[in-house]
Amino acid sequence: ARRWPARRQRGTRMNQSGFVRRFMALVRKEIHQMMRDKSNLAVGLLLPIVLILLFGYGLSMDVKHAPIAVVLEDGSPNARQALDGLRGSSFLAPVWTNSMVEAEALMRAGEVDAIVRVPVDFSRRLAASDARLQLVLNGVDTGTANTLEGYVSGAVSQSMLREADCAGGKANAAARGEVVQRMWFNEAGNSTWYLVPGLVVLVLTLIGAFLTSLLIAREWENGTLESLFVTPVRPMEIVLAKVVPYIFVGTIDIVMFLLAARFLFEVPIRGSLVVIMAASLLYLVVSLLLGLFISGKTRNQFQASQVALITSFMPAMMLSGFVFDLRNVPVVVQVVSHLLPATHFMGAIKTLLLAGTHWPTVLQSAGILALYAVVLLVATTRTLRKTLD
């Protein structure tokens, strides 16, 4: 009776050692195959540099129904009339808050794009023709911030002009009130700071989904995958072995991106580097598994590359928030965009680089990406079951 536990322990150790041997053999095979395919290696290492250099500079976006927090510290009729223009604008969606602390919390959480603060002494200074309203802008999206500055200033000026007309035109509205602007997270107001963080999403999507979409399909076409089916190798081991080499390539790309962002484009990296690397690697794993799933499902290199381009890279560029503000697109497009892993990583990486480590945003995005990784790992493994069609 005492022999059975010992036998089970020996069997467990043999299974573990067998897994390690098979897995390391598969990893060596995938590394050799990756090194032989110079075109894929060039795409994985050189194309990200080209993307960083090409897309590192300005795009402009329109703004509509942008949420702005309003802090009304002066409850006088004059103060309320000064903000009438905000209510009537189709470009602005005021969110009334009770204090500056509440408004700042909304800004840090990304729920509003700007804060309009009416100070306590607004009415008194308005009578002395020296009134000022404070406008705090979220500089993570520079295009939206600059547009909002014009919208808010114009709306307040129009309100004051109407008030001056009602007073008989005795006062000059421009002299009576002024909007004092301050930008958060992007003090320089540089559009490059907004665009550069999105580049890592495109780079990791490219080397992840696009490159790995060819791996399994190539082996199906060459007949090498069938030869693996007669060995003790398990589908899960095949999937993990194919992911490992490209994780190293992706890590190099992430480091190149961070160096370019900091020293080439002078983007401040305010979040934790450890968290940035962890979030980027998690999204890279999701992209790699998505490419492998497409490859295992299509079993044809040409078809796999086309499907990967349509379902991963193009949506990551157009529907993740890299080019367009997702709040300004139709509801159907918003729903589709939030089904994409790239959309959740885009919000997390912009927050980490420009605003700092905001844990609610990071944890929410990381949880969604981890769920995608588990689902894609199971789905990809099922495409490699040891059955021949």
Protein backbone atom coordinates (compact mmCIF):
# COMPACT_ATOMS: atom_id res chain seq x y z
CA ALA A 1 0.00 0.00 0.00
CA ARG A 2 2.93 2.30 0.63
CA ARG A 3 4.14 1.89 -2.94
CA TRP A 4 1.16 3.63 -4.57
CA PRO A 5 1.94 7.20 -3.35
CA ALA A 6 5.55 6.79 -4.43
CA ARG A 7 4.45 5.56 -7.87
CA ARG A 8 2.04 8.48 -8.23
CA GLN A 9 4.81 10.92 -7.30
CA ARG A 10 7.17 9.35 -9.83
CA GLY A 11 4.43 9.47 -12.46
CA THR A 12 3.75 13.13 -11.72
CA ARG A 13 7.45 13.99 -11.97
CA MET A 14 7.72 12.08 -15.26
CA ASN A 15 4.69 13.92 -16.68
CA GLN A 16 6.13 17.28 -15.64
CA SER A 17 9.56 16.49 -17.06
CA GLY A 18 7.92 15.21 -20.24
CA PHE A 19 5.98 18.48 -20.58
CA VAL A 20 9.16 20.53 -20.08
CA ARG A 21 11.11 18.49 -22.68
CA ARG A 22 8.32 18.67 -25.25
CA PHE A 23 7.68 22.34 -24.62
CA MET A 24 11.38 23.33 -24.86
CA ALA A 25 11.75 21.28 -28.05
CA LEU A 26 8.77 23.06 -29.56
CA VAL A 27 10.11 26.46 -28.50
CA ARG A 28 13.49 25.72 -30.12
CA LYS A 29 11.70 24.60 -33.28
CA GLU A 30 9.63 27.82 -33.39
CA ILE A 31 12.67 30.01 -32.76
CA HIS A 32 14.61 28.32 -35.59
CA GLN A 33 11.61 28.66 -37.89
CA MET A 34 11.21 32.34 -36.99
CA MET A 35 14.93 33.01 -37.61
CA ARG A 36 14.74 31.29 -41.00
CA ASP A 37 11.78 33.41 -42.07
CA LYS A 38 13.61 36.73 -42.50
CA SER A 39 10.56 38.51 -43.92
CA ASN A 40 8.45 37.90 -40.81
CA LEU A 41 11.34 38.90 -38.57
CA ALA A 42 11.86 42.09 -40.56
CA VAL A 43 8.18 42.95 -40.30
CA GLY A 44 8.23 42.32 -36.57
CA LEU A 45 11.28 44.50 -35.87
CA LEU A 46 11.57 47.07 -38.68
CA LEU A 47 7.97 47.89 -39.50
CA PRO A 48 7.23 49.14 -35.95
CA ILE A 49 10.03 51.70 -36.38
CA VAL A 50 8.47 52.86 -39.65
CA LEU A 51 5.04 53.14 -38.01
CA ILE A 52 6.42 55.15 -35.10
CA LEU A 53 8.11 57.61 -37.47
CA LEU A 54 5.19 57.90 -39.89
CA PHE A 55 2.29 58.23 -37.46
CA GLY A 56 3.98 60.25 -34.75
CA TYR A 57 2.52 63.55 -35.87
CA GLY A 58 -0.79 65.39 -35.93
CA LEU A 59 -4.32 64.44 -36.74
CA SER A 60 -7.32 66.61 -35.92
CA MET A 61 -10.66 65.29 -34.64
CA ASP A 62 -14.10 66.83 -34.36
CA VAL A 63 -15.88 67.08 -31.02
CA LYS A 64 -19.59 66.73 -30.30
CA HIS A 65 -21.51 66.38 -27.01
CA ALA A 66 -18.26 66.49 -25.06
CA PRO A 67 -18.88 66.08 -21.30
CA ILE A 68 -17.59 68.99 -19.21
CA ALA A 69 -17.87 69.35 -15.44
CA VAL A 70 -19.28 72.64 -14.19
CA VAL A 71 -18.40 73.87 -10.69
CA LEU A 72 -20.67 76.76 -9.76
CA GLU A 73 -19.17 78.25 -6.61
CA ASP A 74 -21.05 81.50 -7.15
CA GLY A 75 -24.80 80.82 -7.27
CA SER A 76 -25.83 84.36 -8.25
CA PRO A 77 -28.04 85.00 -11.32
CA ASN A 78 -25.12 86.69 -13.10
CA ALA A 79 -22.98 83.57 -12.73
CA ARG A 80 -25.75 81.32 -14.01
CA GLN A 81 -26.40 83.60 -16.98
CA ALA A 82 -22.71 83.45 -17.91
CA LEU A 83 -23.07 79.70 -18.34
CA ASP A 84 -26.29 79.76 -20.38
CA GLY A 85 -24.29 79.26 -23.56
CA LEU A 86 -22.98 75.91 -22.33
CA ARG A 87 -26.51 74.50 -22.08
CA GLY A 88 -27.53 75.50 -25.57
CA SER A 89 -24.49 74.11 -27.40
CA SER A 90 -24.73 70.79 -29.25
CA PHE A 91 -20.97 70.42 -28.87
CA LEU A 92 -20.98 70.47 -25.05
CA ALA A 93 -22.68 68.29 -22.43
CA PRO A 94 -22.42 70.04 -19.03
CA VAL A 95 -22.21 67.85 -15.92
CA TRP A 96 -23.06 69.87 -12.82
CA THR A 97 -20.89 69.03 -9.80
CA ASN A 98 -20.90 70.22 -6.19
CA SER A 99 -17.19 70.90 -5.74
CA MET A 100 -13.85 71.11 -7.51
CA VAL A 101 -12.77 67.89 -5.81
CA GLU A 102 -15.67 66.01 -7.40
CA ALA A 103 -14.93 67.55 -10.79
CA GLU A 104 -11.23 66.64 -10.57
CA ALA A 105 -12.17 63.05 -9.72
CA LEU A 106 -14.32 62.89 -12.86
CA MET A 107 -11.46 64.30 -14.91
CA ARG A 108 -8.94 61.77 -13.60
CA ALA A 109 -11.38 58.94 -14.29
CA GLY A 110 -11.78 60.15 -17.88
CA GLU A 111 -15.51 60.82 -17.49
CA VAL A 112 -15.25 64.50 -18.46
CA ASP A 113 -12.97 66.31 -20.88
CA ALA A 114 -12.89 69.68 -19.15
CA ILE A 115 -13.85 71.57 -15.99
CA VAL A 116 -15.47 75.01 -15.98
CA ARG A 117 -15.15 76.66 -12.57
CA VAL A 118 -17.05 79.82 -11.61
CA PRO A 119 -15.23 81.24 -8.56
CA VAL A 120 -16.97 82.60 -5.47
CA ASP A 121 -16.13 86.23 -6.29
CA PHE A 122 -17.36 86.06 -9.89
CA SER A 123 -20.31 88.49 -9.44
CA ARG A 124 -18.25 91.01 -7.50
CA ARG A 125 -15.48 91.00 -10.08
CA LEU A 126 -18.01 91.07 -12.90
CA ALA A 127 -19.29 94.40 -11.56
CA ALA A 128 -15.70 95.66 -11.66
CA SER A 129 -15.28 94.40 -15.27
CA ASP A 130 -12.62 91.92 -14.16
CA ALA A 131 -14.50 88.60 -13.92
CA ARG A 132 -12.72 85.34 -14.70
CA LEU A 133 -13.85 81.76 -15.23
CA GLN A 134 -11.37 78.91 -14.92
CA LEU A 135 -11.26 76.29 -17.68
CA VAL A 136 -9.27 73.11 -16.94
CA LEU A 137 -8.75 70.89 -20.00
CA ASN A 138 -7.87 67.20 -20.22
CA GLY A 139 -4.74 67.28 -22.36
CA VAL A 140 -4.62 63.53 -22.96
CA ASP A 141 -6.59 64.23 -26.15
CA THR A 142 -5.00 67.41 -27.44
CA GLY A 143 -7.31 67.82 -30.42
CA THR A 144 -10.40 67.61 -28.24
CA ALA A 145 -8.85 69.95 -25.64
CA ASN A 146 -8.05 72.67 -28.16
CA THR A 147 -11.50 72.38 -29.73
CA LEU A 148 -13.20 72.52 -26.34
CA GLU A 149 -11.28 75.65 -25.42
CA GLY A 150 -12.76 77.41 -28.44
CA TYR A 151 -16.28 76.07 -27.78
CA VAL A 152 -16.33 77.06 -24.09
CA SER A 153 -14.78 80.48 -24.69
CA GLY A 154 -17.23 81.16 -27.49
CA ALA A 155 -20.25 80.01 -25.48
CA VAL A 156 -19.32 82.13 -22.45
CA SER A 157 -18.58 85.17 -24.62
CA GLN A 158 -21.96 84.87 -26.34
CA SER A 159 -23.73 84.65 -22.97
CA MET A 160 -21.96 87.74 -21.69
CA LEU A 161 -22.71 89.57 -24.91
CA ARG A 162 -26.41 88.88 -24.52
CA GLU A 163 -26.22 90.04 -20.91
CA ALA A 164 -24.53 93.26 -22.01
CA ASP A 165 -27.24 93.84 -24.62
CA CYS A 166 -29.91 93.36 -21.98
CA ALA A 167 -28.11 95.94 -19.82
CA GLY A 168 -28.39 98.48 -22.63
CA GLY A 169 -25.02 97.88 -24.18
CA LYS A 170 -23.27 99.92 -21.51
CA ALA A 171 -20.55 97.34 -20.94
CA ASN A 172 -18.22 95.55 -23.25
CA ALA A 173 -18.62 91.82 -22.72
CA ALA A 174 -15.07 91.10 -23.76
CA ALA A 175 -13.78 93.46 -21.12
CA ARG A 176 -16.15 92.23 -18.42
CA GLY A 177 -15.32 88.52 -18.51
CA GLU A 178 -12.40 86.26 -19.37
CA VAL A 179 -11.89 82.49 -19.56
CA VAL A 180 -8.55 81.47 -18.03
CA GLN A 181 -7.40 78.17 -19.51
CA ARG A 182 -5.19 75.51 -17.95
CA MET A 183 -4.42 72.11 -19.49
CA TRP A 184 -3.91 68.91 -17.52
CA PHE A 185 -1.77 65.91 -18.55
CA ASN A 186 -0.46 67.76 -21.65
CA GLU A 187 0.85 71.13 -20.55
CA ALA A 188 2.54 71.75 -23.89
CA GLY A 189 -0.71 71.23 -25.81
CA ASN A 190 1.23 68.97 -28.20
CA SER A 191 -0.89 66.69 -30.42
CA THR A 192 2.03 64.26 -30.67
CA TRP A 193 1.57 63.42 -26.99
CA TYR A 194 -1.92 62.23 -27.82
CA LEU A 195 -1.01 60.22 -30.93
CA VAL A 196 2.20 58.50 -29.86
CA PRO A 197 0.63 56.30 -27.12
CA GLY A 198 -1.70 54.84 -29.72
CA LEU A 199 1.25 53.65 -31.78
CA VAL A 200 2.07 50.84 -29.37
CA VAL A 201 -1.46 49.49 -29.91
CA LEU A 202 -0.92 49.38 -33.68
CA VAL A 203 2.57 47.90 -33.33
CA LEU A 204 1.53 45.11 -30.98
CA THR A 205 -1.55 44.34 -33.07
CA LEU A 206 0.62 44.10 -36.17
CA ILE A 207 3.29 41.78 -34.80
CA GLY A 208 0.71 39.86 -32.81
CA ALA A 209 -2.36 39.08 -34.85
CA PHE A 210 -0.94 39.66 -38.32
CA LEU A 211 2.32 37.72 -38.05
CA THR A 212 1.09 34.77 -36.02
CA SER A 213 -1.94 34.38 -38.29
CA LEU A 214 0.43 32.71 -40.75
CA LEU A 215 2.09 30.22 -38.40
CA ILE A 216 -0.43 27.40 -38.04
CA ALA A 217 -1.82 27.92 -41.54
CA ARG A 218 1.69 27.49 -42.96
CA GLU A 219 2.14 24.20 -41.10
CA TRP A 220 -1.25 22.96 -42.28
CA GLU A 221 -0.30 23.73 -45.87
CA ASN A 222 3.17 22.15 -45.55
CA GLY A 223 1.83 19.08 -43.75
CA THR A 224 4.17 19.44 -40.77
CA LEU A 225 1.34 19.81 -38.28
CA GLU A 226 0.01 16.33 -39.04
CA SER A 227 3.40 14.88 -38.13
CA LEU A 228 3.12 16.45 -34.69
CA PHE A 229 -0.19 14.68 -34.13
CA VAL A 230 1.54 11.30 -33.91
CA THR A 231 3.78 12.54 -31.08
CA PRO A 232 2.88 13.01 -27.38
CA VAL A 233 2.75 16.78 -27.95
CA ARG A 234 -0.50 18.37 -26.79
CA PRO A 235 -2.35 21.21 -28.53
CA MET A 236 -1.85 23.54 -25.56
CA GLU A 237 1.91 23.00 -25.77
CA ILE A 238 1.91 23.82 -29.48
CA VAL A 239 0.03 27.06 -28.88
CA LEU A 240 2.28 28.17 -26.00
CA ALA A 241 5.44 27.30 -27.95
CA LYS A 242 4.33 29.42 -30.91
CA VAL A 243 3.58 32.37 -28.63
CA VAL A 244 6.91 32.46 -26.77
CA PRO A 245 9.27 33.62 -29.60
CA TYR A 246 6.99 36.49 -30.55
CA ILE A 247 6.70 37.60 -26.95
CA PHE A 248 10.45 38.28 -27.09
CA VAL A 249 10.03 40.19 -30.37
CA GLY A 250 7.13 42.13 -28.89
CA THR A 251 9.13 42.98 -25.77
CA ILE A 252 11.84 44.50 -27.97
CA ASP A 253 9.19 46.54 -29.79
CA ILE A 254 7.70 47.79 -26.51
CA VAL A 255 11.12 48.92 -25.31
CA MET A 256 11.76 50.66 -28.66
CA PHE A 257 8.40 52.39 -28.39
CA LEU A 258 9.07 53.65 -24.87
CA LEU A 259 12.51 54.94 -25.86
CA ALA A 260 11.08 56.69 -28.94
CA ALA A 261 8.19 58.16 -26.96
CA ARG A 262 10.46 59.54 -24.27
CA PHE A 263 13.52 60.69 -26.21
CA LEU A 264 12.31 61.16 -29.80
CA PHE A 265 8.85 62.67 -29.21
CA GLU A 266 9.50 63.85 -25.63
CA VAL A 267 6.27 62.33 -24.32
CA PRO A 268 6.22 62.24 -20.51
CA ILE A 269 5.87 58.76 -19.05
CA ARG A 270 3.98 59.46 -15.83
CA GLY A 271 2.79 55.95 -15.01
CA SER A 272 4.75 53.05 -13.58
CA LEU A 273 7.06 51.41 -16.13
CA VAL A 274 6.32 48.02 -14.59
CA VAL A 275 2.58 48.51 -15.06
CA ILE A 276 3.09 49.80 -18.61
CA MET A 277 5.18 46.75 -19.53
CA ALA A 278 2.72 44.36 -17.87
CA ALA A 279 -0.30 45.88 -19.63
CA SER A 280 1.52 45.91 -22.98
CA LEU A 281 2.60 42.28 -22.65
CA LEU A 282 -0.93 41.26 -21.70
CA TYR A 283 -2.30 42.93 -24.84
CA LEU A 284 0.51 41.35 -26.87
CA VAL A 285 -0.53 37.88 -25.65
CA VAL A 286 -4.13 38.62 -26.65
CA SER A 287 -2.99 39.71 -30.13
CA LEU A 288 -0.78 36.63 -30.55
CA LEU A 289 -3.58 34.28 -29.53
CA LEU A 290 -6.02 36.06 -31.85
CA GLY A 291 -3.62 35.54 -34.76
CA LEU A 292 -3.12 31.87 -33.88
CA PHE A 293 -6.88 31.34 -33.61
CA ILE A 294 -7.39 32.86 -37.06
CA SER A 295 -4.54 30.75 -38.42
CA GLY A 296 -5.88 27.52 -36.91
CA LYS A 297 -9.40 28.22 -38.10
CA THR A 298 -8.64 29.18 -41.70
CA ARG A 299 -5.69 26.78 -42.37
CA ASN A 300 -4.74 28.89 -45.39
CA GLN A 301 -2.01 31.53 -45.31
CA PHE A 302 -3.59 33.95 -47.76
CA GLN A 303 -7.00 33.72 -46.18
CA ALA A 304 -5.53 33.99 -42.68
CA SER A 305 -3.59 37.15 -43.54
CA GLN A 306 -6.67 38.79 -45.02
CA VAL A 307 -8.88 37.87 -42.08
CA ALA A 308 -6.24 39.10 -39.61
CA LEU A 309 -5.93 42.41 -41.44
CA ILE A 310 -9.70 42.95 -41.51
CA THR A 311 -10.46 41.82 -37.96
CA SER A 312 -7.44 43.11 -36.03
CA PHE A 313 -5.16 45.74 -37.55
CA MET A 314 -7.73 47.85 -39.38
CA PRO A 315 -10.21 47.93 -36.47
CA ALA A 316 -7.35 48.74 -34.08
CA MET A 317 -6.48 51.75 -36.23
CA MET A 318 -9.98 53.01 -37.01
CA LEU A 319 -12.22 51.93 -34.11
CA SER A 320 -10.05 51.91 -31.00
CA GLY A 321 -10.04 55.66 -30.40
CA PHE A 322 -6.68 56.20 -32.11
CA VAL A 323 -8.10 58.33 -34.93
CA PHE A 324 -11.66 59.21 -33.88
CA ASP A 325 -13.26 60.15 -30.59
CA LEU A 326 -15.57 57.16 -30.06
CA ARG A 327 -18.23 59.31 -28.42
CA ASN A 328 -18.80 61.07 -31.74
CA VAL A 329 -19.57 57.93 -33.77
CA PRO A 330 -22.93 56.13 -34.08
CA VAL A 331 -24.03 53.87 -31.23
CA VAL A 332 -23.58 50.72 -33.33
CA VAL A 333 -19.97 51.65 -34.02
CA GLN A 334 -19.42 52.37 -30.32
CA VAL A 335 -20.72 48.91 -29.42
CA VAL A 336 -18.46 47.25 -31.99
CA SER A 337 -15.45 49.28 -30.84
CA HIS A 338 -15.91 48.20 -27.22
CA LEU A 339 -15.84 44.56 -28.33
CA LEU A 340 -12.28 45.06 -29.56
CA PRO A 341 -9.36 44.34 -27.19
CA ALA A 342 -7.48 47.27 -28.76
CA THR A 343 -10.06 49.78 -27.49
CA HIS A 344 -9.52 48.78 -23.86
CA PHE A 345 -5.74 48.76 -24.16
CA MET A 346 -5.81 52.15 -25.93
CA GLY A 347 -7.52 53.79 -22.96
CA ALA A 348 -5.16 52.14 -20.48
CA ILE A 349 -1.92 53.04 -22.27
CA LYS A 350 -2.92 56.69 -22.78
CA THR A 351 -3.81 56.98 -19.11
CA LEU A 352 -0.57 55.34 -18.01
CA LEU A 353 1.67 57.49 -20.17
CA LEU A 354 0.02 60.89 -19.79
CA ALA A 355 -2.05 60.85 -16.61
CA GLY A 356 -0.25 58.31 -14.42
CA THR A 357 -1.23 54.99 -12.86
CA HIS A 358 -4.98 55.35 -12.37
CA TRP A 359 -5.75 51.92 -10.92
CA PRO A 360 -9.50 51.74 -11.66
CA THR A 361 -8.83 52.29 -15.38
CA VAL A 362 -5.82 49.95 -15.46
CA LEU A 363 -7.51 47.13 -13.55
CA GLN A 364 -10.68 47.31 -15.62
CA SER A 365 -8.72 47.14 -18.89
CA ALA A 366 -6.43 44.39 -17.57
CA GLY A 367 -9.40 42.29 -16.46
CA ILE A 368 -11.06 42.54 -19.87
CA LEU A 369 -7.80 41.70 -21.67
CA ALA A 370 -7.17 38.72 -19.36
CA LEU A 371 -10.66 37.42 -20.16
CA TYR A 372 -9.93 37.74 -23.88
CA ALA A 373 -6.64 35.87 -23.40
CA VAL A 374 -8.30 32.93 -21.64
CA VAL A 375 -11.11 32.67 -24.20
CA LEU A 376 -8.71 32.85 -27.16
CA LEU A 377 -6.33 30.31 -25.59
CA VAL A 378 -9.14 27.77 -25.19
CA ALA A 379 -10.53 28.51 -28.66
CA THR A 380 -7.10 28.23 -30.33
CA THR A 381 -6.36 24.96 -28.55
CA ARG A 382 -9.62 23.52 -29.85
CA THR A 383 -8.55 24.29 -33.45
CA LEU A 384 -5.52 22.01 -32.91
CA ARG A 385 -7.27 18.89 -31.72
CA LYS A 386 -5.58 15.74 -32.96
CA THR A 387 -8.10 14.92 -35.64
CA LEU A 388 -7.56 14.85 -39.39
CA ASP A 389 -10.23 16.17 -41.75
